[in-house]
Amino acid sequence: MNTRLVSLALAVLTAFAPAAHAVEDATPLARWQQDPTAVLQAEGIAIEDFHWLARPVVVFADSPADPRYREQMELLLDRMDELTARDVVVIVDTDPSARSALRTKLRPRGFMLVLIGKDGGVKLRKPFPWDVRELSRSIDKMPLRQQEIRDGQ
């Protein structure tokens, strides 16, 4: 079996497993603050909770088996430290029938990657997987991120 595929599967399973020290009923914001590398499920998330605290990257797909979704998650998980340095929270939604608030608001068609700024505005939409390097460049061009860099954050 492909070692990289096994590593990806373990990383995804680990990302979705609750941490032993995590509070079971913690809000998505509290879970992210406790573990900034955690990947959150879209169900029950109010994007407003992350305003001015994090830059949500939302990955939509019609199924977790979608090859584009799997590729995108591999790209994100491989370089999570770069995303964490930019206050990125990764949120996934692979169940169209659940009709999460994020899915209703952002209206994806199949696979879609969405970058939301700390101000709550949609900064980027991509219908195909995007590398963390390009995502980081887009974030680093944002005025608020430029201010964070100047302030040493």
N, C-alpha and C. Protein backbone atom coordinates (compact mmCIF):
# COMPACT_ATOMS: atom_id res chain seq x y z
N MET A 1 0.84 -1.18 0.00
CA MET A 1 0.00 0.00 0.00
C MET A 1 0.88 1.25 0.00
N ASN A 2 0.44 2.29 -0.63
CA ASN A 2 1.17 3.53 -0.73
C ASN A 2 1.37 4.16 0.65
N THR A 3 2.61 4.37 1.06
CA THR A 3 2.92 4.91 2.39
C THR A 3 2.36 6.31 2.56
N ARG A 4 2.42 7.12 1.51
CA ARG A 4 1.90 8.49 1.57
C ARG A 4 0.39 8.48 1.81
N LEU A 5 -0.33 7.57 1.16
CA LEU A 5 -1.76 7.45 1.33
C LEU A 5 -2.10 7.03 2.76
N VAL A 6 -1.35 6.09 3.31
CA VAL A 6 -1.57 5.66 4.69
C VAL A 6 -1.32 6.82 5.65
N SER A 7 -0.26 7.59 5.41
CA SER A 7 0.05 8.74 6.25
C SER A 7 -1.07 9.76 6.20
N LEU A 8 -1.61 10.01 4.99
CA LEU A 8 -2.71 10.95 4.83
C LEU A 8 -3.94 10.46 5.59
N ALA A 9 -4.27 9.19 5.45
CA ALA A 9 -5.43 8.64 6.14
C ALA A 9 -5.29 8.77 7.64
N LEU A 10 -4.11 8.47 8.17
CA LEU A 10 -3.88 8.61 9.61
C LEU A 10 -3.97 10.06 10.05
N ALA A 11 -3.44 10.98 9.24
CA ALA A 11 -3.50 12.40 9.58
C ALA A 11 -4.93 12.89 9.61
N VAL A 12 -5.74 12.48 8.63
CA VAL A 12 -7.13 12.90 8.59
C VAL A 12 -7.89 12.32 9.77
N LEU A 13 -7.69 11.03 10.07
CA LEU A 13 -8.36 10.42 11.21
C LEU A 13 -7.95 11.09 12.51
N THR A 14 -6.67 11.38 12.66
CA THR A 14 -6.17 12.04 13.86
C THR A 14 -6.74 13.44 13.97
N ALA A 15 -6.85 14.14 12.85
CA ALA A 15 -7.36 15.51 12.88
C ALA A 15 -8.80 15.54 13.35
N PHE A 16 -9.58 14.50 13.01
CA PHE A 16 -10.98 14.50 13.39
C PHE A 16 -11.24 13.87 14.75
N ALA A 17 -10.27 13.17 15.29
CA ALA A 17 -10.44 12.53 16.60
C ALA A 17 -10.32 13.59 17.69
N PRO A 18 -11.20 13.57 18.69
CA PRO A 18 -11.09 14.56 19.76
C PRO A 18 -9.83 14.31 20.58
N ALA A 19 -9.18 15.38 20.95
CA ALA A 19 -7.98 15.27 21.78
C ALA A 19 -8.38 14.75 23.15
N ALA A 20 -7.50 13.99 23.78
CA ALA A 20 -7.80 13.40 25.08
C ALA A 20 -8.10 14.47 26.12
N HIS A 21 -7.45 15.61 26.01
CA HIS A 21 -7.65 16.67 27.00
C HIS A 21 -8.72 17.67 26.58
N ALA A 22 -9.31 17.49 25.39
CA ALA A 22 -10.31 18.43 24.90
C ALA A 22 -11.63 18.24 25.65
N VAL A 23 -12.32 19.33 25.85
CA VAL A 23 -13.64 19.27 26.45
C VAL A 23 -14.60 18.83 25.35
N GLU A 24 -15.35 17.78 25.61
CA GLU A 24 -16.23 17.19 24.60
C GLU A 24 -17.22 18.20 24.04
N ASP A 25 -17.74 19.08 24.88
CA ASP A 25 -18.76 20.02 24.45
C ASP A 25 -18.20 21.39 24.10
N ALA A 26 -16.91 21.50 23.87
CA ALA A 26 -16.29 22.78 23.56
C ALA A 26 -16.81 23.31 22.23
N THR A 27 -16.90 24.62 22.12
CA THR A 27 -17.32 25.24 20.87
C THR A 27 -16.22 25.03 19.83
N PRO A 28 -16.57 25.15 18.56
CA PRO A 28 -15.53 25.03 17.52
C PRO A 28 -14.39 26.04 17.73
N LEU A 29 -14.72 27.25 18.13
CA LEU A 29 -13.69 28.26 18.40
C LEU A 29 -12.77 27.81 19.52
N ALA A 30 -13.35 27.29 20.60
CA ALA A 30 -12.55 26.81 21.73
C ALA A 30 -11.67 25.63 21.32
N ARG A 31 -12.22 24.72 20.50
CA ARG A 31 -11.42 23.59 20.03
C ARG A 31 -10.24 24.07 19.20
N TRP A 32 -10.47 25.06 18.32
CA TRP A 32 -9.39 25.58 17.49
C TRP A 32 -8.36 26.32 18.35
N GLN A 33 -8.83 27.08 19.34
CA GLN A 33 -7.89 27.80 20.21
C GLN A 33 -7.05 26.82 21.02
N GLN A 34 -7.63 25.70 21.40
CA GLN A 34 -6.92 24.68 22.15
C GLN A 34 -5.90 23.95 21.27
N ASP A 35 -6.27 23.72 20.00
CA ASP A 35 -5.39 23.03 19.06
C ASP A 35 -5.51 23.68 17.68
N PRO A 36 -4.66 24.67 17.37
CA PRO A 36 -4.75 25.38 16.09
C PRO A 36 -4.52 24.51 14.86
N THR A 37 -4.06 23.28 15.04
CA THR A 37 -3.88 22.39 13.89
C THR A 37 -5.10 21.49 13.66
N ALA A 38 -6.10 21.61 14.51
CA ALA A 38 -7.30 20.77 14.38
C ALA A 38 -8.07 21.13 13.12
N VAL A 39 -8.61 20.12 12.47
CA VAL A 39 -9.49 20.30 11.33
C VAL A 39 -10.91 20.17 11.86
N LEU A 40 -11.73 21.19 11.63
CA LEU A 40 -13.08 21.22 12.19
C LEU A 40 -14.11 20.84 11.15
N GLN A 41 -15.17 20.17 11.59
CA GLN A 41 -16.30 19.87 10.75
C GLN A 41 -17.21 21.09 10.69
N ALA A 42 -17.80 21.37 9.54
CA ALA A 42 -18.60 22.58 9.33
C ALA A 42 -19.90 22.58 10.14
N GLU A 43 -20.41 21.42 10.42
CA GLU A 43 -21.68 21.33 11.15
C GLU A 43 -21.58 22.06 12.49
N GLY A 44 -22.48 23.01 12.70
CA GLY A 44 -22.53 23.72 13.98
C GLY A 44 -21.59 24.92 14.08
N ILE A 45 -20.88 25.23 13.01
CA ILE A 45 -19.95 26.36 13.05
C ILE A 45 -20.64 27.63 12.57
N ALA A 46 -20.50 28.67 13.37
CA ALA A 46 -20.93 30.01 12.97
C ALA A 46 -19.65 30.78 12.62
N ILE A 47 -19.51 31.12 11.36
CA ILE A 47 -18.28 31.75 10.90
C ILE A 47 -18.01 33.06 11.65
N GLU A 48 -19.05 33.68 12.15
CA GLU A 48 -18.91 34.94 12.90
C GLU A 48 -18.09 34.74 14.17
N ASP A 49 -18.06 33.54 14.71
CA ASP A 49 -17.28 33.26 15.92
C ASP A 49 -15.79 33.46 15.70
N PHE A 50 -15.36 33.37 14.45
CA PHE A 50 -13.93 33.49 14.13
C PHE A 50 -13.52 34.90 13.70
N HIS A 51 -14.50 35.83 13.62
CA HIS A 51 -14.19 37.20 13.18
C HIS A 51 -13.08 37.80 14.03
N TRP A 52 -12.10 38.36 13.36
CA TRP A 52 -10.95 39.05 13.93
C TRP A 52 -10.01 38.13 14.71
N LEU A 53 -10.29 36.83 14.72
CA LEU A 53 -9.43 35.87 15.43
C LEU A 53 -8.71 34.92 14.47
N ALA A 54 -9.39 34.51 13.40
CA ALA A 54 -8.83 33.50 12.51
C ALA A 54 -9.28 33.74 11.08
N ARG A 55 -8.53 33.13 10.17
CA ARG A 55 -8.87 33.15 8.75
C ARG A 55 -9.36 31.74 8.38
N PRO A 56 -10.66 31.55 8.30
CA PRO A 56 -11.16 30.22 7.93
C PRO A 56 -10.84 29.86 6.48
N VAL A 57 -10.36 28.64 6.30
CA VAL A 57 -10.24 28.03 4.98
C VAL A 57 -11.23 26.88 5.01
N VAL A 58 -12.26 27.00 4.16
CA VAL A 58 -13.32 26.00 4.14
C VAL A 58 -13.17 25.16 2.89
N VAL A 59 -13.14 23.84 3.08
CA VAL A 59 -13.00 22.90 1.97
C VAL A 59 -14.32 22.14 1.85
N PHE A 60 -14.98 22.33 0.71
CA PHE A 60 -16.24 21.65 0.43
C PHE A 60 -16.01 20.53 -0.58
N ALA A 61 -16.78 19.46 -0.43
CA ALA A 61 -16.83 18.39 -1.42
C ALA A 61 -18.14 17.65 -1.21
N ASP A 62 -18.56 16.93 -2.22
CA ASP A 62 -19.80 16.16 -2.10
C ASP A 62 -19.58 14.83 -1.40
N SER A 63 -18.30 14.46 -1.21
CA SER A 63 -17.95 13.21 -0.55
C SER A 63 -16.50 13.27 -0.09
N PRO A 64 -16.17 12.64 1.04
CA PRO A 64 -14.76 12.60 1.44
C PRO A 64 -13.91 11.76 0.49
N ALA A 65 -14.54 11.01 -0.40
CA ALA A 65 -13.81 10.21 -1.38
C ALA A 65 -13.44 11.00 -2.64
N ASP A 66 -13.93 12.23 -2.77
CA ASP A 66 -13.62 13.07 -3.92
C ASP A 66 -12.10 13.23 -4.03
N PRO A 67 -11.50 12.87 -5.16
CA PRO A 67 -10.04 12.97 -5.29
C PRO A 67 -9.52 14.39 -5.08
N ARG A 68 -10.29 15.40 -5.48
CA ARG A 68 -9.86 16.78 -5.28
C ARG A 68 -9.83 17.11 -3.79
N TYR A 69 -10.83 16.64 -3.05
CA TYR A 69 -10.87 16.85 -1.60
C TYR A 69 -9.67 16.18 -0.94
N ARG A 70 -9.42 14.94 -1.31
CA ARG A 70 -8.29 14.20 -0.72
C ARG A 70 -6.97 14.89 -1.01
N GLU A 71 -6.80 15.37 -2.25
CA GLU A 71 -5.57 16.08 -2.61
C GLU A 71 -5.45 17.38 -1.81
N GLN A 72 -6.57 18.12 -1.70
CA GLN A 72 -6.53 19.39 -0.96
C GLN A 72 -6.18 19.16 0.50
N MET A 73 -6.76 18.15 1.11
CA MET A 73 -6.48 17.89 2.53
C MET A 73 -5.02 17.48 2.71
N GLU A 74 -4.49 16.71 1.78
CA GLU A 74 -3.08 16.32 1.86
C GLU A 74 -2.19 17.57 1.79
N LEU A 75 -2.51 18.47 0.86
CA LEU A 75 -1.73 19.71 0.73
C LEU A 75 -1.79 20.54 2.00
N LEU A 76 -2.97 20.66 2.59
CA LEU A 76 -3.13 21.46 3.81
C LEU A 76 -2.43 20.82 5.00
N LEU A 77 -2.63 19.51 5.18
CA LEU A 77 -2.07 18.83 6.34
C LEU A 77 -0.55 18.76 6.30
N ASP A 78 0.01 18.68 5.08
CA ASP A 78 1.47 18.62 4.94
C ASP A 78 2.16 19.89 5.41
N ARG A 79 1.47 21.02 5.36
CA ARG A 79 2.10 22.30 5.70
C ARG A 79 1.24 23.10 6.69
N MET A 80 0.68 22.40 7.64
CA MET A 80 -0.22 23.01 8.61
C MET A 80 0.49 24.09 9.43
N ASP A 81 1.79 23.94 9.67
CA ASP A 81 2.52 24.92 10.46
C ASP A 81 2.50 26.31 9.80
N GLU A 82 2.55 26.35 8.46
CA GLU A 82 2.49 27.63 7.76
C GLU A 82 1.11 28.27 7.90
N LEU A 83 0.09 27.44 7.91
CA LEU A 83 -1.27 27.95 8.07
C LEU A 83 -1.49 28.45 9.50
N THR A 84 -0.99 27.69 10.46
CA THR A 84 -1.11 28.08 11.87
C THR A 84 -0.45 29.43 12.12
N ALA A 85 0.69 29.67 11.49
CA ALA A 85 1.40 30.94 11.65
C ALA A 85 0.58 32.12 11.12
N ARG A 86 -0.39 31.83 10.25
CA ARG A 86 -1.23 32.87 9.66
C ARG A 86 -2.65 32.87 10.25
N ASP A 87 -2.82 32.23 11.39
CA ASP A 87 -4.11 32.16 12.08
C ASP A 87 -5.20 31.55 11.21
N VAL A 88 -4.86 30.49 10.49
CA VAL A 88 -5.84 29.81 9.63
C VAL A 88 -6.49 28.67 10.41
N VAL A 89 -7.81 28.59 10.30
CA VAL A 89 -8.55 27.45 10.82
C VAL A 89 -9.11 26.71 9.61
N VAL A 90 -8.87 25.40 9.55
CA VAL A 90 -9.35 24.58 8.43
C VAL A 90 -10.68 23.96 8.84
N ILE A 91 -11.68 24.19 7.98
CA ILE A 91 -13.02 23.68 8.21
C ILE A 91 -13.41 22.86 6.98
N VAL A 92 -13.98 21.68 7.19
CA VAL A 92 -14.37 20.83 6.08
C VAL A 92 -15.86 20.51 6.12
N ASP A 93 -16.42 20.36 4.92
CA ASP A 93 -17.82 19.99 4.77
C ASP A 93 -17.92 19.05 3.57
N THR A 94 -18.11 17.77 3.86
CA THR A 94 -18.21 16.78 2.78
C THR A 94 -19.58 16.10 2.76
N ASP A 95 -20.57 16.75 3.37
CA ASP A 95 -21.91 16.16 3.43
C ASP A 95 -22.96 17.18 2.99
N PRO A 96 -23.27 17.22 1.68
CA PRO A 96 -24.24 18.20 1.20
C PRO A 96 -25.62 18.04 1.84
N SER A 97 -25.98 16.82 2.23
CA SER A 97 -27.31 16.60 2.81
C SER A 97 -27.45 17.21 4.20
N ALA A 98 -26.34 17.48 4.88
CA ALA A 98 -26.40 18.08 6.23
C ALA A 98 -26.77 19.55 6.16
N ARG A 99 -26.56 20.19 5.02
CA ARG A 99 -26.90 21.60 4.80
C ARG A 99 -26.41 22.49 5.93
N SER A 100 -25.11 22.46 6.15
CA SER A 100 -24.51 23.31 7.19
C SER A 100 -24.73 24.78 6.84
N ALA A 101 -24.63 25.63 7.86
CA ALA A 101 -24.79 27.07 7.64
C ALA A 101 -23.75 27.59 6.64
N LEU A 102 -22.53 27.05 6.70
CA LEU A 102 -21.49 27.47 5.77
C LEU A 102 -21.85 27.07 4.33
N ARG A 103 -22.35 25.87 4.16
CA ARG A 103 -22.73 25.41 2.83
C ARG A 103 -23.89 26.25 2.29
N THR A 104 -24.83 26.57 3.15
CA THR A 104 -25.97 27.39 2.74
C THR A 104 -25.52 28.79 2.35
N LYS A 105 -24.60 29.36 3.11
CA LYS A 105 -24.13 30.71 2.86
C LYS A 105 -23.21 30.79 1.63
N LEU A 106 -22.28 29.85 1.49
CA LEU A 106 -21.26 29.92 0.44
C LEU A 106 -21.64 29.21 -0.85
N ARG A 107 -22.65 28.35 -0.82
CA ARG A 107 -23.24 27.69 -1.97
C ARG A 107 -22.23 27.04 -2.93
N PRO A 108 -21.46 26.09 -2.44
CA PRO A 108 -20.50 25.41 -3.33
C PRO A 108 -21.21 24.47 -4.29
N ARG A 109 -20.57 24.22 -5.41
CA ARG A 109 -21.04 23.21 -6.36
C ARG A 109 -19.94 22.18 -6.47
N GLY A 110 -20.09 21.08 -5.80
CA GLY A 110 -19.05 20.06 -5.78
C GLY A 110 -17.89 20.52 -4.93
N PHE A 111 -16.66 20.31 -5.44
CA PHE A 111 -15.48 20.72 -4.69
C PHE A 111 -15.31 22.24 -4.76
N MET A 112 -14.95 22.83 -3.61
CA MET A 112 -14.63 24.26 -3.59
C MET A 112 -13.78 24.55 -2.35
N LEU A 113 -12.76 25.38 -2.56
CA LEU A 113 -11.93 25.89 -1.48
C LEU A 113 -12.28 27.37 -1.32
N VAL A 114 -12.55 27.79 -0.08
CA VAL A 114 -12.90 29.19 0.19
C VAL A 114 -11.99 29.71 1.30
N LEU A 115 -11.39 30.87 1.06
CA LEU A 115 -10.61 31.56 2.07
C LEU A 115 -11.43 32.74 2.55
N ILE A 116 -11.63 32.81 3.85
CA ILE A 116 -12.39 33.90 4.46
C ILE A 116 -11.43 34.71 5.32
N GLY A 117 -11.46 36.02 5.18
CA GLY A 117 -10.58 36.88 5.95
C GLY A 117 -11.03 37.01 7.39
N LYS A 118 -10.17 37.58 8.21
CA LYS A 118 -10.53 37.81 9.62
C LYS A 118 -11.72 38.74 9.75
N ASP A 119 -11.96 39.56 8.72
CA ASP A 119 -13.11 40.47 8.73
C ASP A 119 -14.41 39.77 8.33
N GLY A 120 -14.34 38.50 7.98
CA GLY A 120 -15.52 37.73 7.62
C GLY A 120 -15.86 37.74 6.15
N GLY A 121 -15.10 38.48 5.34
CA GLY A 121 -15.36 38.54 3.91
C GLY A 121 -14.68 37.41 3.15
N VAL A 122 -15.33 36.95 2.09
CA VAL A 122 -14.76 35.92 1.23
C VAL A 122 -13.64 36.55 0.42
N LYS A 123 -12.43 36.03 0.55
CA LYS A 123 -11.26 36.57 -0.12
C LYS A 123 -10.87 35.79 -1.37
N LEU A 124 -11.27 34.50 -1.39
CA LEU A 124 -10.82 33.64 -2.47
C LEU A 124 -11.74 32.43 -2.57
N ARG A 125 -12.06 32.05 -3.81
CA ARG A 125 -12.81 30.82 -4.10
C ARG A 125 -12.06 30.08 -5.20
N LYS A 126 -11.84 28.80 -5.01
CA LYS A 126 -11.15 28.01 -6.02
C LYS A 126 -11.91 26.70 -6.23
N PRO A 127 -12.17 26.34 -7.49
CA PRO A 127 -12.89 25.09 -7.78
C PRO A 127 -11.95 23.89 -7.92
N PHE A 128 -10.69 24.06 -7.52
CA PHE A 128 -9.71 22.99 -7.63
C PHE A 128 -8.73 23.12 -6.46
N PRO A 129 -8.01 22.06 -6.12
CA PRO A 129 -7.07 22.12 -4.99
C PRO A 129 -6.01 23.20 -5.21
N TRP A 130 -5.64 23.82 -4.10
CA TRP A 130 -4.66 24.91 -4.14
C TRP A 130 -3.56 24.63 -3.14
N ASP A 131 -2.33 24.85 -3.53
CA ASP A 131 -1.18 24.61 -2.68
C ASP A 131 -1.10 25.64 -1.55
N VAL A 132 -0.55 25.23 -0.43
CA VAL A 132 -0.42 26.12 0.73
C VAL A 132 0.47 27.32 0.40
N ARG A 133 1.44 27.13 -0.46
CA ARG A 133 2.31 28.24 -0.84
C ARG A 133 1.50 29.36 -1.48
N GLU A 134 0.61 29.03 -2.42
CA GLU A 134 -0.23 30.04 -3.07
C GLU A 134 -1.23 30.63 -2.08
N LEU A 135 -1.77 29.79 -1.23
CA LEU A 135 -2.71 30.26 -0.21
C LEU A 135 -2.01 31.23 0.74
N SER A 136 -0.81 30.90 1.15
CA SER A 136 -0.03 31.77 2.05
C SER A 136 0.28 33.11 1.38
N ARG A 137 0.62 33.06 0.11
CA ARG A 137 0.89 34.32 -0.63
C ARG A 137 -0.33 35.21 -0.65
N SER A 138 -1.50 34.63 -0.89
CA SER A 138 -2.74 35.41 -0.91
C SER A 138 -3.00 36.04 0.46
N ILE A 139 -2.80 35.26 1.50
CA ILE A 139 -3.01 35.78 2.86
C ILE A 139 -2.01 36.89 3.16
N ASP A 140 -0.75 36.68 2.79
CA ASP A 140 0.30 37.65 3.11
C ASP A 140 0.12 38.98 2.39
N LYS A 141 -0.67 39.01 1.33
CA LYS A 141 -0.95 40.26 0.61
C LYS A 141 -2.09 41.06 1.25
N MET A 142 -2.82 40.45 2.17
CA MET A 142 -3.96 41.13 2.79
C MET A 142 -3.46 42.24 3.72
N PRO A 143 -4.14 43.39 3.73
CA PRO A 143 -3.70 44.50 4.59
C PRO A 143 -3.59 44.13 6.08
N LEU A 144 -4.54 43.38 6.60
CA LEU A 144 -4.48 43.00 8.01
C LEU A 144 -3.27 42.11 8.28
N ARG A 145 -2.96 41.21 7.37
CA ARG A 145 -1.77 40.35 7.53
C ARG A 145 -0.50 41.18 7.44
N GLN A 146 -0.47 42.15 6.55
CA GLN A 146 0.68 43.05 6.45
C GLN A 146 0.91 43.77 7.78
N GLN A 147 -0.19 44.20 8.40
CA GLN A 147 -0.08 44.86 9.72
C GLN A 147 0.42 43.88 10.77
N GLU A 148 -0.05 42.64 10.73
CA GLU A 148 0.41 41.62 11.68
C GLU A 148 1.91 41.38 11.51
N ILE A 149 2.37 41.34 10.26
CA ILE A 149 3.81 41.14 10.01
C ILE A 149 4.60 42.30 10.57
N ARG A 150 4.13 43.53 10.35
CA ARG A 150 4.83 44.72 10.89
C ARG A 150 4.85 44.70 12.41
N ASP A 151 3.76 44.21 13.01
CA ASP A 151 3.66 44.17 14.47
C ASP A 151 4.38 42.96 15.06
N GLY A 152 4.91 42.10 14.21
CA GLY A 152 5.65 40.92 14.68
C GLY A 152 4.78 39.80 15.19
N GLN A 153 3.58 39.69 14.68
CA GLN A 153 2.67 38.63 15.14
C GLN A 153 2.77 37.42 14.27
